[in-house]
Amino acid sequence: MDKYLLTILQCPISKKGLNILKKDQLAKINSAIEGGTLMNHGGILVVEQLDAALITDDGKRIYPVIDDIPVLLEEESISLEQLT
């Protein structure tokens, strides 16, 4: 993902900056998706594995990246509080 793009993107909920989710974090998210325990902000069970995602600077929320396009819709975001 373009580094300049990352400097201007922000979470539509918290207005925090966004960074690329690290591979080990992505594996943990995909494990929860596989286990059928992860819901998005819209209350829908996430069933598709993620190839990439963006994480807020405070580490509380992620946004999927689909076909190299960040999906910055509030209802598509995933709260990481579900993983604790």
C-alpha atoms as a PDB file:
ATOM      1  CA  MET A   1       0.000   0.000   0.000  1.00  0.00           C
ATOM      2  CA  ASP A   2       1.200   3.494  -0.822  1.00  0.00           C
ATOM      3  CA  LYS A   3       2.880   5.072   2.208  1.00  0.00           C
ATOM      4  CA  TYR A   4       1.497   8.511   1.316  1.00  0.00           C
ATOM      5  CA  LEU A   5      -2.018   7.095   1.309  1.00  0.00           C
ATOM      6  CA  LEU A   6      -1.464   5.773   4.832  1.00  0.00           C
ATOM      7  CA  THR A   7      -0.552   9.275   6.030  1.00  0.00           C
ATOM      8  CA  ILE A   8      -3.932  10.676   4.993  1.00  0.00           C
ATOM      9  CA  LEU A   9      -6.252   7.775   5.868  1.00  0.00           C
ATOM     10  CA  GLN A  10      -7.973   7.733   9.233  1.00  0.00           C
ATOM     11  CA  CYS A  11     -10.524   5.677  11.135  1.00  0.00           C
ATOM     12  CA  PRO A  12     -14.000   7.091  10.433  1.00  0.00           C
ATOM     13  CA  ILE A  13     -15.042   6.300  14.021  1.00  0.00           C
ATOM     14  CA  SER A  14     -12.125   7.435  16.201  1.00  0.00           C
ATOM     15  CA  LYS A  15     -10.325   9.649  13.654  1.00  0.00           C
ATOM     16  CA  LYS A  16      -7.075   7.844  14.602  1.00  0.00           C
ATOM     17  CA  GLY A  17      -4.410   7.168  11.987  1.00  0.00           C
ATOM     18  CA  LEU A  18      -4.112   3.778  10.298  1.00  0.00           C
ATOM     19  CA  ASN A  19      -1.221   1.377   9.705  1.00  0.00           C
ATOM     20  CA  ILE A  20      -0.847  -1.937   7.931  1.00  0.00           C
ATOM     21  CA  LEU A  21      -1.716  -4.872  10.197  1.00  0.00           C
ATOM     22  CA  LYS A  22       1.308  -7.109  10.841  1.00  0.00           C
ATOM     23  CA  LYS A  23       1.283 -10.713   9.618  1.00  0.00           C
ATOM     24  CA  ASP A  24       1.217 -12.245  13.107  1.00  0.00           C
ATOM     25  CA  GLN A  25      -1.781 -10.076  14.050  1.00  0.00           C
ATOM     26  CA  LEU A  26      -3.474 -10.964  10.762  1.00  0.00           C
ATOM     27  CA  ALA A  27      -3.004 -14.672  11.515  1.00  0.00           C
ATOM     28  CA  LYS A  28      -4.690 -14.198  14.899  1.00  0.00           C
ATOM     29  CA  ILE A  29      -7.632 -12.393  13.253  1.00  0.00           C
ATOM     30  CA  ASN A  30      -7.974 -15.110  10.610  1.00  0.00           C
ATOM     31  CA  SER A  31      -7.922 -17.775  13.315  1.00  0.00           C
ATOM     32  CA  ALA A  32     -10.853 -16.060  15.037  1.00  0.00           C
ATOM     33  CA  ILE A  33     -12.670 -15.792  11.691  1.00  0.00           C
ATOM     34  CA  GLU A  34     -12.103 -19.504  11.079  1.00  0.00           C
ATOM     35  CA  GLY A  35     -13.431 -20.232  14.560  1.00  0.00           C
ATOM     36  CA  GLY A  36     -16.617 -18.318  13.771  1.00  0.00           C
ATOM     37  CA  THR A  37     -16.224 -15.876  16.644  1.00  0.00           C
ATOM     38  CA  LEU A  38     -15.563 -12.524  14.979  1.00  0.00           C
ATOM     39  CA  MET A  39     -18.289  -9.948  14.279  1.00  0.00           C
ATOM     40  CA  ASN A  40     -17.922  -6.671  12.439  1.00  0.00           C
ATOM     41  CA  HIS A  41     -19.213  -3.350  13.787  1.00  0.00           C
ATOM     42  CA  GLY A  42     -22.457  -3.904  11.858  1.00  0.00           C
ATOM     43  CA  GLY A  43     -23.125  -7.065  13.896  1.00  0.00           C
ATOM     44  CA  ILE A  44     -22.488  -9.471  11.029  1.00  0.00           C
ATOM     45  CA  LEU A  45     -20.310 -12.559  11.474  1.00  0.00           C
ATOM     46  CA  VAL A  46     -17.067 -12.204   9.491  1.00  0.00           C
ATOM     47  CA  VAL A  47     -16.648 -15.346   7.375  1.00  0.00           C
ATOM     48  CA  GLU A  48     -14.063 -14.347   4.742  1.00  0.00           C
ATOM     49  CA  GLN A  49     -10.375 -14.656   5.673  1.00  0.00           C
ATOM     50  CA  LEU A  50      -8.465 -11.394   5.361  1.00  0.00           C
ATOM     51  CA  ASP A  51      -5.445 -11.060   3.085  1.00  0.00           C
ATOM     52  CA  ALA A  52      -4.635  -7.644   4.550  1.00  0.00           C
ATOM     53  CA  ALA A  53      -6.069  -5.092   6.946  1.00  0.00           C
ATOM     54  CA  LEU A  54      -5.410  -1.679   8.444  1.00  0.00           C
ATOM     55  CA  ILE A  55      -5.247  -1.139  12.192  1.00  0.00           C
ATOM     56  CA  THR A  56      -5.884   2.081  14.087  1.00  0.00           C
ATOM     57  CA  ASP A  57      -2.968   3.758  15.847  1.00  0.00           C
ATOM     58  CA  ASP A  58      -4.471   2.798  19.218  1.00  0.00           C
ATOM     59  CA  GLY A  59      -4.741  -0.882  18.146  1.00  0.00           C
ATOM     60  CA  LYS A  60      -8.458  -1.150  18.900  1.00  0.00           C
ATOM     61  CA  ARG A  61     -10.035  -1.519  15.460  1.00  0.00           C
ATOM     62  CA  ILE A  62      -9.167  -2.964  12.059  1.00  0.00           C
ATOM     63  CA  TYR A  63     -10.482  -2.379   8.567  1.00  0.00           C
ATOM     64  CA  PRO A  64     -10.260  -5.025   5.842  1.00  0.00           C
ATOM     65  CA  VAL A  65      -8.281  -4.381   2.671  1.00  0.00           C
ATOM     66  CA  ILE A  66      -9.916  -6.123  -0.290  1.00  0.00           C
ATOM     67  CA  ASP A  67      -8.133  -6.236  -3.651  1.00  0.00           C
ATOM     68  CA  ASP A  68      -5.688  -3.597  -2.343  1.00  0.00           C
ATOM     69  CA  ILE A  69      -8.575  -1.230  -1.505  1.00  0.00           C
ATOM     70  CA  PRO A  70      -9.120  -0.272   2.157  1.00  0.00           C
ATOM     71  CA  VAL A  71     -12.756  -0.682   3.170  1.00  0.00           C
ATOM     72  CA  LEU A  72     -13.152   2.234   5.564  1.00  0.00           C
ATOM     73  CA  LEU A  73     -16.826   1.761   6.319  1.00  0.00           C
ATOM     74  CA  GLU A  74     -17.817   1.920   9.982  1.00  0.00           C
ATOM     75  CA  GLU A  75     -20.008  -1.192   9.783  1.00  0.00           C
ATOM     76  CA  GLU A  76     -17.186  -3.224   8.167  1.00  0.00           C
ATOM     77  CA  SER A  77     -14.667  -2.431  10.912  1.00  0.00           C
ATOM     78  CA  ILE A  78     -13.750  -5.098  13.447  1.00  0.00           C
ATOM     79  CA  SER A  79     -13.169  -4.335  17.122  1.00  0.00           C
ATOM     80  CA  LEU A  80     -10.119  -6.140  18.481  1.00  0.00           C
ATOM     81  CA  GLU A  81     -11.658  -6.212  21.958  1.00  0.00           C
ATOM     82  CA  GLN A  82     -13.381  -9.412  20.787  1.00  0.00           C
ATOM     83  CA  LEU A  83     -10.035 -11.210  20.809  1.00  0.00           C
ATOM     84  CA  THR A  84      -9.294 -10.725  24.498  1.00  0.00           C
END
